[in-house]
Amino acid sequence: MAVTTSPYASDALLGGTVDAVVIGGGAAGLNGALMLARSRRSVVVIDSGSPRNAPAEAMHGFIVLDGTPPPEILRRGREQVRQYGGRVVFGEVAAAEPAAPSTDGDLRFTITLADGRSVTARRVLVATGLTDVLPEVPGLAEHWGHGVVHCPYCHGWEVRDEPIGILATGPASIGHAFLFRQLTADLTYFTQGIDLDEDTRARFAARNIHIVDTPVREVVNNEDGTLAGLRLTDGQVVARRVLAVATRMEARTEGLDGLKLPVEDLPDNMGRRVASGMAGTTEVPGVWVAGNATDLAAQVGASAAAGALAGAHINSMLATADTNAALAATQGETPAL
């Protein structure tokens, strides 16, 4: 699921070479850009305008900003990046790939947008986020971010004491059930054909979690369009006000094939992420990754922190490259990178 927000005033994409391009204008990307801009690095954020939390009315679980609408957080973030000279460009990345190094041997990358514009960067921070893949149940997707939720920490308080259903998607849904049981006494677990062993059934019974083994046919709505429940294949309707779904989470890598980023699948069909090391480094020299593209479970606060760490590390590596180049120039040599 991806929702594109309304475009905002975009900065011009200037020619020449910038210190860093950040691909992704969410919490991780903007915080990474903020750290770079505050270090007097030239930085451009490329933002497609389709944040993962766009359908949500508010962001929760991040102190001070708890309850703030996601668009407002991003608006403030863009303003702060711009305050220090960073640029935020509304656009879709069509291609990103290594380019010929500079005359002093420093790395270069070319980022090309869907409209044909391009920018050259010394370093790249990938902060594209992820896409939530929902089960193919008719009527489910239209309630995403409202009647259909995925995270007890992001949305749990807001749906407390409601009749909640857990729509099983795999082993992770079992843990999901116990977390949502903390929030309501009226919880029903729809197995969707996924076997539950006797121990799990006993644990569910001990917590008064009702189990429905009959498969779900479709989502049923109230007259006002809100979620009313689930119709089973035998015709029975189980009334529910909220559905919790452990989605498959897939890092957004569209347009990034040229970078040859290391991508890996997680166990139990949980999702696919870009593999990373300390401070968001990847096995591709000059390319970092931060936020949900590499940490699928990270909330806004964790994503922002990861972006800040990656931005600081990029600045440190650039400082080393600048010093190597300056030293080599005084000695008439090619710098070591």
C-alpha atoms as a PDB file:
ATOM      1  CA  MET A   1       0.000   0.000   0.000  1.00  0.00           C
ATOM      2  CA  ALA A   2       1.372   3.422  -0.990  1.00  0.00           C
ATOM      3  CA  VAL A   3      -0.477   6.705  -0.863  1.00  0.00           C
ATOM      4  CA  THR A   4       0.871   9.756  -2.674  1.00  0.00           C
ATOM      5  CA  THR A   5       0.404  13.014  -0.813  1.00  0.00           C
ATOM      6  CA  SER A   6      -0.280  16.389  -2.420  1.00  0.00           C
ATOM      7  CA  PRO A   7       2.856  17.884  -3.979  1.00  0.00           C
ATOM      8  CA  TYR A   8       4.388  20.875  -2.245  1.00  0.00           C
ATOM      9  CA  ALA A   9       6.650  23.667  -3.466  1.00  0.00           C
ATOM     10  CA  SER A  10       9.745  21.912  -4.812  1.00  0.00           C
ATOM     11  CA  ASP A  11      13.250  23.337  -4.842  1.00  0.00           C
ATOM     12  CA  ALA A  12      15.117  23.595  -8.123  1.00  0.00           C
ATOM     13  CA  LEU A  13      17.460  20.743  -8.974  1.00  0.00           C
ATOM     14  CA  LEU A  14      20.687  22.577  -9.756  1.00  0.00           C
ATOM     15  CA  GLY A  15      23.510  21.296 -11.927  1.00  0.00           C
ATOM     16  CA  GLY A  16      26.984  20.423 -10.738  1.00  0.00           C
ATOM     17  CA  THR A  17      27.973  17.916  -8.068  1.00  0.00           C
ATOM     18  CA  VAL A  18      26.552  17.858  -4.535  1.00  0.00           C
ATOM     19  CA  ASP A  19      28.037  16.189  -1.499  1.00  0.00           C
ATOM     20  CA  ALA A  20      25.047  13.913  -0.962  1.00  0.00           C
ATOM     21  CA  VAL A  21      21.712  12.936  -2.439  1.00  0.00           C
ATOM     22  CA  VAL A  22      19.139  11.522  -0.062  1.00  0.00           C
ATOM     23  CA  ILE A  23      16.531   9.350  -1.790  1.00  0.00           C
ATOM     24  CA  GLY A  24      13.399   9.530   0.328  1.00  0.00           C
ATOM     25  CA  GLY A  25      11.758  12.418   2.165  1.00  0.00           C
ATOM     26  CA  GLY A  26      10.478  10.690   5.296  1.00  0.00           C
ATOM     27  CA  ALA A  27      11.818  10.848   8.843  1.00  0.00           C
ATOM     28  CA  ALA A  28      15.033   8.945   8.064  1.00  0.00           C
ATOM     29  CA  GLY A  29      15.825  10.878   4.901  1.00  0.00           C
ATOM     30  CA  LEU A  30      15.059  14.324   6.297  1.00  0.00           C
ATOM     31  CA  ASN A  31      17.014  13.734   9.502  1.00  0.00           C
ATOM     32  CA  GLY A  32      19.985  12.452   7.533  1.00  0.00           C
ATOM     33  CA  ALA A  33      19.795  15.524   5.315  1.00  0.00           C
ATOM     34  CA  LEU A  34      19.526  17.764   8.377  1.00  0.00           C
ATOM     35  CA  MET A  35      22.753  16.398   9.837  1.00  0.00           C
ATOM     36  CA  LEU A  36      24.554  16.874   6.526  1.00  0.00           C
ATOM     37  CA  ALA A  37      23.211  20.369   5.917  1.00  0.00           C
ATOM     38  CA  ARG A  38      24.156  21.464   9.443  1.00  0.00           C
ATOM     39  CA  SER A  39      27.687  20.285   8.636  1.00  0.00           C
ATOM     40  CA  ARG A  40      27.678  22.642   5.641  1.00  0.00           C
ATOM     41  CA  ARG A  41      27.383  19.819   3.148  1.00  0.00           C
ATOM     42  CA  SER A  42      25.460  20.411  -0.060  1.00  0.00           C
ATOM     43  CA  VAL A  43      22.574  17.966   0.090  1.00  0.00           C
ATOM     44  CA  VAL A  44      19.517  17.273  -2.058  1.00  0.00           C
ATOM     45  CA  VAL A  45      16.539  15.239  -0.847  1.00  0.00           C
ATOM     46  CA  ILE A  46      14.512  13.531  -3.576  1.00  0.00           C
ATOM     47  CA  ASP A  47      10.998  12.962  -2.242  1.00  0.00           C
ATOM     48  CA  SER A  48       8.346  10.967  -4.106  1.00  0.00           C
ATOM     49  CA  GLY A  49       5.661  12.186  -1.699  1.00  0.00           C
ATOM     50  CA  SER A  50       4.371   8.720  -0.781  1.00  0.00           C
ATOM     51  CA  PRO A  51       5.217   8.113   2.894  1.00  0.00           C
ATOM     52  CA  ARG A  52       4.195   4.829   4.457  1.00  0.00           C
ATOM     53  CA  ASN A  53       2.114   6.523   7.161  1.00  0.00           C
ATOM     54  CA  ALA A  54       0.206   8.817   4.796  1.00  0.00           C
ATOM     55  CA  PRO A  55      -3.186   7.173   5.548  1.00  0.00           C
ATOM     56  CA  ALA A  56      -2.773   7.655   9.309  1.00  0.00           C
ATOM     57  CA  GLU A  57      -4.405  10.605  11.041  1.00  0.00           C
ATOM     58  CA  ALA A  58      -1.600  10.946  13.581  1.00  0.00           C
ATOM     59  CA  MET A  59       1.818   9.570  14.445  1.00  0.00           C
ATOM     60  CA  HIS A  60       2.227   7.977  17.881  1.00  0.00           C
ATOM     61  CA  GLY A  61       4.959   6.570  20.069  1.00  0.00           C
ATOM     62  CA  PHE A  62       7.485   9.399  19.574  1.00  0.00           C
ATOM     63  CA  ILE A  63       7.822  11.666  22.599  1.00  0.00           C
ATOM     64  CA  VAL A  64       7.009  15.382  22.100  1.00  0.00           C
ATOM     65  CA  LEU A  65       5.548  14.732  18.632  1.00  0.00           C
ATOM     66  CA  ASP A  66       3.035  12.074  19.739  1.00  0.00           C
ATOM     67  CA  GLY A  67      -0.345  12.765  18.114  1.00  0.00           C
ATOM     68  CA  THR A  68       1.060  14.997  15.369  1.00  0.00           C
ATOM     69  CA  PRO A  69      -0.327  14.385  11.846  1.00  0.00           C
ATOM     70  CA  PRO A  70       2.386  12.807   9.656  1.00  0.00           C
ATOM     71  CA  PRO A  71       2.159  15.523   6.952  1.00  0.00           C
ATOM     72  CA  GLU A  72       2.870  18.183   9.583  1.00  0.00           C
ATOM     73  CA  ILE A  73       5.994  16.382  10.795  1.00  0.00           C
ATOM     74  CA  LEU A  74       7.324  16.142   7.246  1.00  0.00           C
ATOM     75  CA  ARG A  75       6.473  19.770   6.512  1.00  0.00           C
ATOM     76  CA  ARG A  76       8.478  20.896   9.530  1.00  0.00           C
ATOM     77  CA  GLY A  77      11.308  18.568   8.550  1.00  0.00           C
ATOM     78  CA  ARG A  78      11.541  20.013   5.054  1.00  0.00           C
ATOM     79  CA  GLU A  79      11.575  23.539   6.451  1.00  0.00           C
ATOM     80  CA  GLN A  80      14.399  22.680   8.825  1.00  0.00           C
ATOM     81  CA  VAL A  81      16.516  21.051   6.117  1.00  0.00           C
ATOM     82  CA  ARG A  82      16.027  24.127   3.940  1.00  0.00           C
ATOM     83  CA  GLN A  83      16.925  26.411   6.842  1.00  0.00           C
ATOM     84  CA  TYR A  84      20.491  25.093   6.632  1.00  0.00           C
ATOM     85  CA  GLY A  85      20.778  25.244   2.859  1.00  0.00           C
ATOM     86  CA  GLY A  86      19.564  21.775   1.951  1.00  0.00           C
ATOM     87  CA  ARG A  87      17.257  21.322  -1.009  1.00  0.00           C
ATOM     88  CA  VAL A  88      14.100  19.201  -1.140  1.00  0.00           C
ATOM     89  CA  VAL A  89      12.943  18.197  -4.601  1.00  0.00           C
ATOM     90  CA  PHE A  90       9.565  16.602  -5.264  1.00  0.00           C
ATOM     91  CA  GLY A  91      10.128  13.819  -7.778  1.00  0.00           C
ATOM     92  CA  GLU A  92      10.415  10.118  -8.521  1.00  0.00           C
ATOM     93  CA  VAL A  93      13.812   8.462  -8.950  1.00  0.00           C
ATOM     94  CA  ALA A  94      13.942   6.550 -12.230  1.00  0.00           C
ATOM     95  CA  ALA A  95      17.596   5.500 -12.061  1.00  0.00           C
ATOM     96  CA  ALA A  96      20.521   5.656  -9.670  1.00  0.00           C
ATOM     97  CA  GLU A  97      23.941   4.345 -10.589  1.00  0.00           C
ATOM     98  CA  PRO A  98      27.665   4.875 -10.091  1.00  0.00           C
ATOM     99  CA  ALA A  99      29.324   7.404 -12.399  1.00  0.00           C
ATOM    100  CA  ALA A 100      32.935   7.991 -13.397  1.00  0.00           C
ATOM    101  CA  PRO A 101      35.022   9.137 -10.418  1.00  0.00           C
ATOM    102  CA  SER A 102      36.251  12.710 -10.178  1.00  0.00           C
ATOM    103  CA  THR A 103      39.759  13.629 -11.312  1.00  0.00           C
ATOM    104  CA  ASP A 104      41.017  13.118  -7.764  1.00  0.00           C
ATOM    105  CA  GLY A 105      39.437   9.654  -7.600  1.00  0.00           C
ATOM    106  CA  ASP A 106      36.453  10.525  -5.421  1.00  0.00           C
ATOM    107  CA  LEU A 107      33.239   8.537  -5.900  1.00  0.00           C
ATOM    108  CA  ARG A 108      30.393   9.856  -8.045  1.00  0.00           C
ATOM    109  CA  PHE A 109      26.779   8.759  -8.542  1.00  0.00           C
ATOM    110  CA  THR A 110      24.143   9.913 -11.011  1.00  0.00           C
ATOM    111  CA  ILE A 111      20.541  10.123  -9.863  1.00  0.00           C
ATOM    112  CA  THR A 112      17.995  10.549 -12.669  1.00  0.00           C
ATOM    113  CA  LEU A 113      14.372  11.516 -12.072  1.00  0.00           C
ATOM    114  CA  ALA A 114      11.341  10.297 -13.991  1.00  0.00           C
ATOM    115  CA  ASP A 115      11.032  13.669 -15.739  1.00  0.00           C
ATOM    116  CA  GLY A 116      14.595  13.443 -17.087  1.00  0.00           C
ATOM    117  CA  ARG A 117      16.330  15.763 -14.630  1.00  0.00           C
ATOM    118  CA  SER A 118      19.505  14.463 -13.002  1.00  0.00           C
ATOM    119  CA  VAL A 119      21.968  15.296 -10.262  1.00  0.00           C
ATOM    120  CA  THR A 120      25.475  14.045  -9.507  1.00  0.00           C
ATOM    121  CA  ALA A 121      26.435  13.202  -5.941  1.00  0.00           C
ATOM    122  CA  ARG A 122      29.549  12.146  -4.075  1.00  0.00           C
ATOM    123  CA  ARG A 123      27.551   9.963  -1.674  1.00  0.00           C
ATOM    124  CA  VAL A 124      24.003   8.531  -1.540  1.00  0.00           C
ATOM    125  CA  LEU A 125      21.678   7.867   1.383  1.00  0.00           C
ATOM    126  CA  VAL A 126      18.783   5.535   0.543  1.00  0.00           C
ATOM    127  CA  ALA A 127      15.803   6.243   2.814  1.00  0.00           C
ATOM    128  CA  THR A 128      12.969   5.069   0.597  1.00  0.00           C
ATOM    129  CA  GLY A 129      10.986   3.308   3.309  1.00  0.00           C
ATOM    130  CA  LEU A 130       8.861   0.240   2.686  1.00  0.00           C
ATOM    131  CA  THR A 131       5.607  -0.960   1.204  1.00  0.00           C
ATOM    132  CA  ASP A 132       3.080  -2.925   3.266  1.00  0.00           C
ATOM    133  CA  VAL A 133       1.686  -5.877   1.334  1.00  0.00           C
ATOM    134  CA  LEU A 134      -1.815  -6.753   2.568  1.00  0.00           C
ATOM    135  CA  PRO A 135      -3.565 -10.126   2.213  1.00  0.00           C
ATOM    136  CA  GLU A 136      -5.813 -10.327  -0.838  1.00  0.00           C
ATOM    137  CA  VAL A 137      -9.123 -10.112   1.000  1.00  0.00           C
ATOM    138  CA  PRO A 138     -11.801  -8.102  -0.853  1.00  0.00           C
ATOM    139  CA  GLY A 139     -12.524  -4.802   0.884  1.00  0.00           C
ATOM    140  CA  LEU A 140      -9.484  -4.921   3.173  1.00  0.00           C
ATOM    141  CA  ALA A 141      -7.244  -2.357   1.467  1.00  0.00           C
ATOM    142  CA  GLU A 142      -9.799   0.472   1.546  1.00  0.00           C
ATOM    143  CA  HIS A 143      -9.669   0.514   5.357  1.00  0.00           C
ATOM    144  CA  TRP A 144      -5.857   0.575   5.592  1.00  0.00           C
ATOM    145  CA  GLY A 145      -4.642   3.037   8.211  1.00  0.00           C
ATOM    146  CA  HIS A 146      -8.094   3.403   9.790  1.00  0.00           C
ATOM    147  CA  GLY A 147     -10.136   0.251  10.465  1.00  0.00           C
ATOM    148  CA  VAL A 148      -7.213  -1.937   9.383  1.00  0.00           C
ATOM    149  CA  VAL A 149      -4.017  -1.423  11.388  1.00  0.00           C
ATOM    150  CA  HIS A 150      -0.711  -3.207  11.753  1.00  0.00           C
ATOM    151  CA  CYS A 151       1.121  -1.874  14.822  1.00  0.00           C
ATOM    152  CA  PRO A 152      -0.103  -2.013  18.444  1.00  0.00           C
ATOM    153  CA  TYR A 153       2.305   0.776  19.366  1.00  0.00           C
ATOM    154  CA  CYS A 154       1.336   3.071  16.500  1.00  0.00           C
ATOM    155  CA  HIS A 155      -2.446   2.591  16.706  1.00  0.00           C
ATOM    156  CA  GLY A 156      -3.204   0.453  19.757  1.00  0.00           C
ATOM    157  CA  TRP A 157      -4.343   3.116  22.215  1.00  0.00           C
ATOM    158  CA  GLU A 158      -6.729   4.564  19.630  1.00  0.00           C
ATOM    159  CA  VAL A 159      -8.504   1.204  19.177  1.00  0.00           C
ATOM    160  CA  ARG A 160      -8.478   0.098  22.818  1.00  0.00           C
ATOM    161  CA  ASP A 161     -11.560  -1.765  24.068  1.00  0.00           C
ATOM    162  CA  GLU A 162     -12.916  -2.183  20.530  1.00  0.00           C
ATOM    163  CA  PRO A 163     -13.873  -5.587  19.105  1.00  0.00           C
ATOM    164  CA  ILE A 164     -10.618  -6.393  17.278  1.00  0.00           C
ATOM    165  CA  GLY A 165      -9.875  -9.164  14.819  1.00  0.00           C
ATOM    166  CA  ILE A 166      -6.427 -10.568  14.035  1.00  0.00           C
ATOM    167  CA  LEU A 167      -6.232 -11.649  10.405  1.00  0.00           C
ATOM    168  CA  ALA A 168      -3.450 -14.240  10.394  1.00  0.00           C
ATOM    169  CA  THR A 169      -0.741 -13.948   7.752  1.00  0.00           C
ATOM    170  CA  GLY A 170       1.944 -16.160   9.297  1.00  0.00           C
ATOM    171  CA  PRO A 171       3.763 -16.997  12.546  1.00  0.00           C
ATOM    172  CA  ALA A 172       4.199 -13.312  13.429  1.00  0.00           C
ATOM    173  CA  SER A 173       0.427 -12.997  13.804  1.00  0.00           C
ATOM    174  CA  ILE A 174       0.507 -15.129  16.962  1.00  0.00           C
ATOM    175  CA  GLY A 175       2.645 -12.590  18.799  1.00  0.00           C
ATOM    176  CA  HIS A 176       0.479  -9.874  17.274  1.00  0.00           C
ATOM    177  CA  ALA A 177      -2.548 -11.429  18.985  1.00  0.00           C
ATOM    178  CA  PHE A 178      -1.013 -11.279  22.461  1.00  0.00           C
ATOM    179  CA  LEU A 179      -0.010  -7.636  21.972  1.00  0.00           C
ATOM    180  CA  PHE A 180      -3.496  -6.607  20.892  1.00  0.00           C
ATOM    181  CA  ARG A 181      -5.020  -8.679  23.722  1.00  0.00           C
ATOM    182  CA  GLN A 182      -3.352  -6.181  26.048  1.00  0.00           C
ATOM    183  CA  LEU A 183      -5.561  -3.504  24.463  1.00  0.00           C
ATOM    184  CA  THR A 184      -8.948  -5.230  24.366  1.00  0.00           C
ATOM    185  CA  ALA A 185     -10.810  -8.074  26.032  1.00  0.00           C
ATOM    186  CA  ASP A 186     -12.762  -8.746  22.802  1.00  0.00           C
ATOM    187  CA  LEU A 187     -10.253 -10.336  20.419  1.00  0.00           C
ATOM    188  CA  THR A 188     -10.895 -12.852  17.640  1.00  0.00           C
ATOM    189  CA  TYR A 189      -8.139 -14.640  15.732  1.00  0.00           C
ATOM    190  CA  PHE A 190      -8.909 -15.665  12.127  1.00  0.00           C
ATOM    191  CA  THR A 191      -6.480 -18.458  11.220  1.00  0.00           C
ATOM    192  CA  GLN A 192      -6.912 -18.161   7.420  1.00  0.00           C
ATOM    193  CA  GLY A 193      -5.890 -21.777   6.973  1.00  0.00           C
ATOM    194  CA  ILE A 194      -2.628 -21.372   8.907  1.00  0.00           C
ATOM    195  CA  ASP A 195      -2.286 -24.171  11.457  1.00  0.00           C
ATOM    196  CA  LEU A 196      -2.177 -23.375  15.168  1.00  0.00           C
ATOM    197  CA  ASP A 197      -0.567 -26.010  17.384  1.00  0.00           C
ATOM    198  CA  GLU A 198      -2.260 -27.186  20.563  1.00  0.00           C
ATOM    199  CA  ASP A 199       0.021 -25.160  22.818  1.00  0.00           C
ATOM    200  CA  THR A 200      -0.869 -21.931  21.011  1.00  0.00           C
ATOM    201  CA  ARG A 201      -4.565 -22.783  21.113  1.00  0.00           C
ATOM    202  CA  ALA A 202      -4.281 -23.394  24.847  1.00  0.00           C
ATOM    203  CA  ARG A 203      -2.510 -20.075  25.352  1.00  0.00           C
ATOM    204  CA  PHE A 204      -5.185 -18.292  23.328  1.00  0.00           C
ATOM    205  CA  ALA A 205      -7.896 -19.962  25.405  1.00  0.00           C
ATOM    206  CA  ALA A 206      -6.171 -18.886  28.605  1.00  0.00           C
ATOM    207  CA  ARG A 207      -6.322 -15.267  27.415  1.00  0.00           C
ATOM    208  CA  ASN A 208      -9.916 -15.586  26.117  1.00  0.00           C
ATOM    209  CA  ILE A 209      -8.860 -15.089  22.512  1.00  0.00           C
ATOM    210  CA  HIS A 210     -11.572 -16.569  20.298  1.00  0.00           C
ATOM    211  CA  ILE A 211     -10.359 -18.609  17.299  1.00  0.00           C
ATOM    212  CA  VAL A 212     -12.157 -18.767  13.947  1.00  0.00           C
ATOM    213  CA  ASP A 213     -10.853 -21.471  11.590  1.00  0.00           C
ATOM    214  CA  THR A 214     -13.372 -20.881   8.784  1.00  0.00           C
ATOM    215  CA  PRO A 215     -11.662 -18.819   6.047  1.00  0.00           C
ATOM    216  CA  VAL A 216     -12.592 -15.186   5.473  1.00  0.00           C
ATOM    217  CA  ARG A 217     -14.367 -14.314   2.223  1.00  0.00           C
ATOM    218  CA  GLU A 218     -14.566 -10.516   2.422  1.00  0.00           C
ATOM    219  CA  VAL A 219     -14.720  -7.409   4.577  1.00  0.00           C
ATOM    220  CA  VAL A 220     -18.205  -6.118   5.420  1.00  0.00           C
ATOM    221  CA  ASN A 221     -18.903  -2.387   5.798  1.00  0.00           C
ATOM    222  CA  ASN A 222     -21.453  -0.376   7.723  1.00  0.00           C
ATOM    223  CA  GLU A 223     -23.755   1.965   5.817  1.00  0.00           C
ATOM    224  CA  ASP A 224     -21.375   4.846   6.497  1.00  0.00           C
ATOM    225  CA  GLY A 225     -18.482   2.922   4.962  1.00  0.00           C
ATOM    226  CA  THR A 226     -16.728   2.045   8.214  1.00  0.00           C
ATOM    227  CA  LEU A 227     -15.622  -1.496   8.926  1.00  0.00           C
ATOM    228  CA  ALA A 228     -18.381  -3.735  10.292  1.00  0.00           C
ATOM    229  CA  GLY A 229     -16.784  -7.172  10.286  1.00  0.00           C
ATOM    230  CA  LEU A 230     -15.731 -10.154   8.211  1.00  0.00           C
ATOM    231  CA  ARG A 231     -17.910 -12.472   6.152  1.00  0.00           C
ATOM    232  CA  LEU A 232     -16.693 -16.062   6.258  1.00  0.00           C
ATOM    233  CA  THR A 233     -16.888 -18.588   3.434  1.00  0.00           C
ATOM    234  CA  ASP A 234     -19.881 -20.237   5.147  1.00  0.00           C
ATOM    235  CA  GLY A 235     -21.790 -16.927   5.010  1.00  0.00           C
ATOM    236  CA  GLN A 236     -21.498 -16.079   8.701  1.00  0.00           C
ATOM    237  CA  VAL A 237     -20.501 -12.472   9.527  1.00  0.00           C
ATOM    238  CA  VAL A 238     -18.238 -11.926  12.529  1.00  0.00           C
ATOM    239  CA  ALA A 239     -18.684  -8.354  13.755  1.00  0.00           C
ATOM    240  CA  ARG A 240     -15.404  -6.477  14.252  1.00  0.00           C
ATOM    241  CA  ARG A 241     -14.672  -2.748  14.452  1.00  0.00           C
ATOM    242  CA  VAL A 242     -10.918  -3.106  13.849  1.00  0.00           C
ATOM    243  CA  LEU A 243      -8.677  -5.601  12.065  1.00  0.00           C
ATOM    244  CA  ALA A 244      -4.983  -6.014  12.869  1.00  0.00           C
ATOM    245  CA  VAL A 245      -2.825  -7.455  10.118  1.00  0.00           C
ATOM    246  CA  ALA A 246       0.875  -8.300  10.241  1.00  0.00           C
ATOM    247  CA  THR A 247       1.722  -7.211   6.712  1.00  0.00           C
ATOM    248  CA  ARG A 248       4.599  -8.414   4.585  1.00  0.00           C
ATOM    249  CA  MET A 249       6.965  -5.435   4.503  1.00  0.00           C
ATOM    250  CA  GLU A 250       9.097  -4.847   1.414  1.00  0.00           C
ATOM    251  CA  ALA A 251      11.806  -2.205   1.070  1.00  0.00           C
ATOM    252  CA  ARG A 252      11.127   0.232  -1.758  1.00  0.00           C
ATOM    253  CA  THR A 253      13.896  -0.192  -4.302  1.00  0.00           C
ATOM    254  CA  GLU A 254      12.211   0.984  -7.501  1.00  0.00           C
ATOM    255  CA  GLY A 255      14.697   2.841  -9.710  1.00  0.00           C
ATOM    256  CA  LEU A 256      17.673   1.731  -7.631  1.00  0.00           C
ATOM    257  CA  ASP A 257      18.741  -1.384  -9.557  1.00  0.00           C
ATOM    258  CA  GLY A 258      21.860   0.378 -10.821  1.00  0.00           C
ATOM    259  CA  LEU A 259      23.239   0.691  -7.291  1.00  0.00           C
ATOM    260  CA  LYS A 260      23.197  -3.110  -6.883  1.00  0.00           C
ATOM    261  CA  LEU A 261      22.123  -2.856  -3.269  1.00  0.00           C
ATOM    262  CA  PRO A 262      22.275  -6.061  -1.192  1.00  0.00           C
ATOM    263  CA  VAL A 263      18.690  -7.148  -0.550  1.00  0.00           C
ATOM    264  CA  GLU A 264      17.662 -10.026   1.702  1.00  0.00           C
ATOM    265  CA  ASP A 265      14.452 -11.846   2.621  1.00  0.00           C
ATOM    266  CA  LEU A 266      13.566 -12.181   6.299  1.00  0.00           C
ATOM    267  CA  PRO A 267      12.304 -15.442   7.876  1.00  0.00           C
ATOM    268  CA  ASP A 268       8.638 -16.431   8.047  1.00  0.00           C
ATOM    269  CA  ASN A 269       7.705 -14.274   5.030  1.00  0.00           C
ATOM    270  CA  MET A 270       8.021 -11.141   7.170  1.00  0.00           C
ATOM    271  CA  GLY A 271       9.474  -9.132   4.326  1.00  0.00           C
ATOM    272  CA  ARG A 272      12.490  -7.982   2.360  1.00  0.00           C
ATOM    273  CA  ARG A 273      15.046  -5.358   3.369  1.00  0.00           C
ATOM    274  CA  VAL A 274      18.241  -3.735   2.187  1.00  0.00           C
ATOM    275  CA  ALA A 275      21.076  -5.285   4.193  1.00  0.00           C
ATOM    276  CA  SER A 276      23.154  -2.781   6.131  1.00  0.00           C
ATOM    277  CA  GLY A 277      25.918  -2.530   8.686  1.00  0.00           C
ATOM    278  CA  MET A 278      27.085   0.042  11.193  1.00  0.00           C
ATOM    279  CA  ALA A 279      25.565   3.509  10.716  1.00  0.00           C
ATOM    280  CA  GLY A 280      23.665   2.298   7.670  1.00  0.00           C
ATOM    281  CA  THR A 281      26.679   1.373   5.571  1.00  0.00           C
ATOM    282  CA  THR A 282      26.117  -1.066   2.720  1.00  0.00           C
ATOM    283  CA  GLU A 283      28.483  -3.262   0.771  1.00  0.00           C
ATOM    284  CA  VAL A 284      28.267  -0.677  -2.028  1.00  0.00           C
ATOM    285  CA  PRO A 285      30.994   1.948  -1.401  1.00  0.00           C
ATOM    286  CA  GLY A 286      29.507   5.416  -1.081  1.00  0.00           C
ATOM    287  CA  VAL A 287      25.935   4.249  -0.436  1.00  0.00           C
ATOM    288  CA  TRP A 288      24.174   4.206   2.938  1.00  0.00           C
ATOM    289  CA  VAL A 289      20.651   3.132   3.906  1.00  0.00           C
ATOM    290  CA  ALA A 290      18.466   4.210   6.834  1.00  0.00           C
ATOM    291  CA  GLY A 291      14.935   3.806   8.156  1.00  0.00           C
ATOM    292  CA  ASN A 292      12.346   1.243   7.094  1.00  0.00           C
ATOM    293  CA  ALA A 293      14.225   0.314   3.929  1.00  0.00           C
ATOM    294  CA  THR A 294      16.635  -1.617   6.143  1.00  0.00           C
ATOM    295  CA  ASP A 295      14.872  -1.790   9.532  1.00  0.00           C
ATOM    296  CA  LEU A 296      11.362  -2.949   8.726  1.00  0.00           C
ATOM    297  CA  ALA A 297      10.104  -2.624  12.297  1.00  0.00           C
ATOM    298  CA  ALA A 298      11.436   0.896  12.965  1.00  0.00           C
ATOM    299  CA  GLN A 299       8.898   3.510  14.018  1.00  0.00           C
ATOM    300  CA  VAL A 300       9.286   7.201  13.224  1.00  0.00           C
ATOM    301  CA  GLY A 301      11.641   7.930  16.111  1.00  0.00           C
ATOM    302  CA  ALA A 302      13.953   5.023  15.327  1.00  0.00           C
ATOM    303  CA  SER A 303      13.961   5.877  11.624  1.00  0.00           C
ATOM    304  CA  ALA A 304      14.840   9.500  12.344  1.00  0.00           C
ATOM    305  CA  ALA A 305      17.664   8.406  14.656  1.00  0.00           C
ATOM    306  CA  ALA A 306      19.033   6.029  12.033  1.00  0.00           C
ATOM    307  CA  GLY A 307      18.949   8.801   9.445  1.00  0.00           C
ATOM    308  CA  ALA A 308      20.853  11.119  11.781  1.00  0.00           C
ATOM    309  CA  LEU A 309      23.508   8.463  12.405  1.00  0.00           C
ATOM    310  CA  ALA A 310      23.905   7.733   8.697  1.00  0.00           C
ATOM    311  CA  GLY A 311      24.118  11.447   7.871  1.00  0.00           C
ATOM    312  CA  ALA A 312      26.833  11.968  10.478  1.00  0.00           C
ATOM    313  CA  HIS A 313      28.773   8.971   9.164  1.00  0.00           C
ATOM    314  CA  ILE A 314      28.537  10.229   5.586  1.00  0.00           C
ATOM    315  CA  ASN A 315      29.861  13.603   6.689  1.00  0.00           C
ATOM    316  CA  SER A 316      32.753  11.895   8.489  1.00  0.00           C
ATOM    317  CA  MET A 317      33.666   9.879   5.389  1.00  0.00           C
ATOM    318  CA  LEU A 318      33.468  12.993   3.224  1.00  0.00           C
ATOM    319  CA  ALA A 319      35.746  14.838   5.658  1.00  0.00           C
ATOM    320  CA  THR A 320      38.294  12.040   5.319  1.00  0.00           C
ATOM    321  CA  ALA A 321      38.034  12.118   1.516  1.00  0.00           C
ATOM    322  CA  ASP A 322      38.426  15.911   1.489  1.00  0.00           C
ATOM    323  CA  THR A 323      41.512  15.675   3.676  1.00  0.00           C
ATOM    324  CA  ASN A 324      43.042  12.918   1.555  1.00  0.00           C
ATOM    325  CA  ALA A 325      42.469  14.976  -1.573  1.00  0.00           C
ATOM    326  CA  ALA A 326      43.975  18.105  -0.011  1.00  0.00           C
ATOM    327  CA  LEU A 327      47.035  16.219   1.202  1.00  0.00           C
ATOM    328  CA  ALA A 328      47.525  14.527  -2.162  1.00  0.00           C
ATOM    329  CA  ALA A 329      47.243  17.883  -3.932  1.00  0.00           C
ATOM    330  CA  THR A 330      50.060  19.330  -1.831  1.00  0.00           C
ATOM    331  CA  GLN A 331      52.189  16.315  -2.637  1.00  0.00           C
ATOM    332  CA  GLY A 332      51.201  15.996  -6.284  1.00  0.00           C
ATOM    333  CA  GLU A 333      49.717  12.531  -5.745  1.00  0.00           C
ATOM    334  CA  THR A 334      46.402  10.737  -6.282  1.00  0.00           C
ATOM    335  CA  PRO A 335      44.553  10.594  -2.932  1.00  0.00           C
ATOM    336  CA  ALA A 336      43.731   7.310  -1.205  1.00  0.00           C
ATOM    337  CA  LEU A 337      39.960   6.977  -0.653  1.00  0.00           C
END
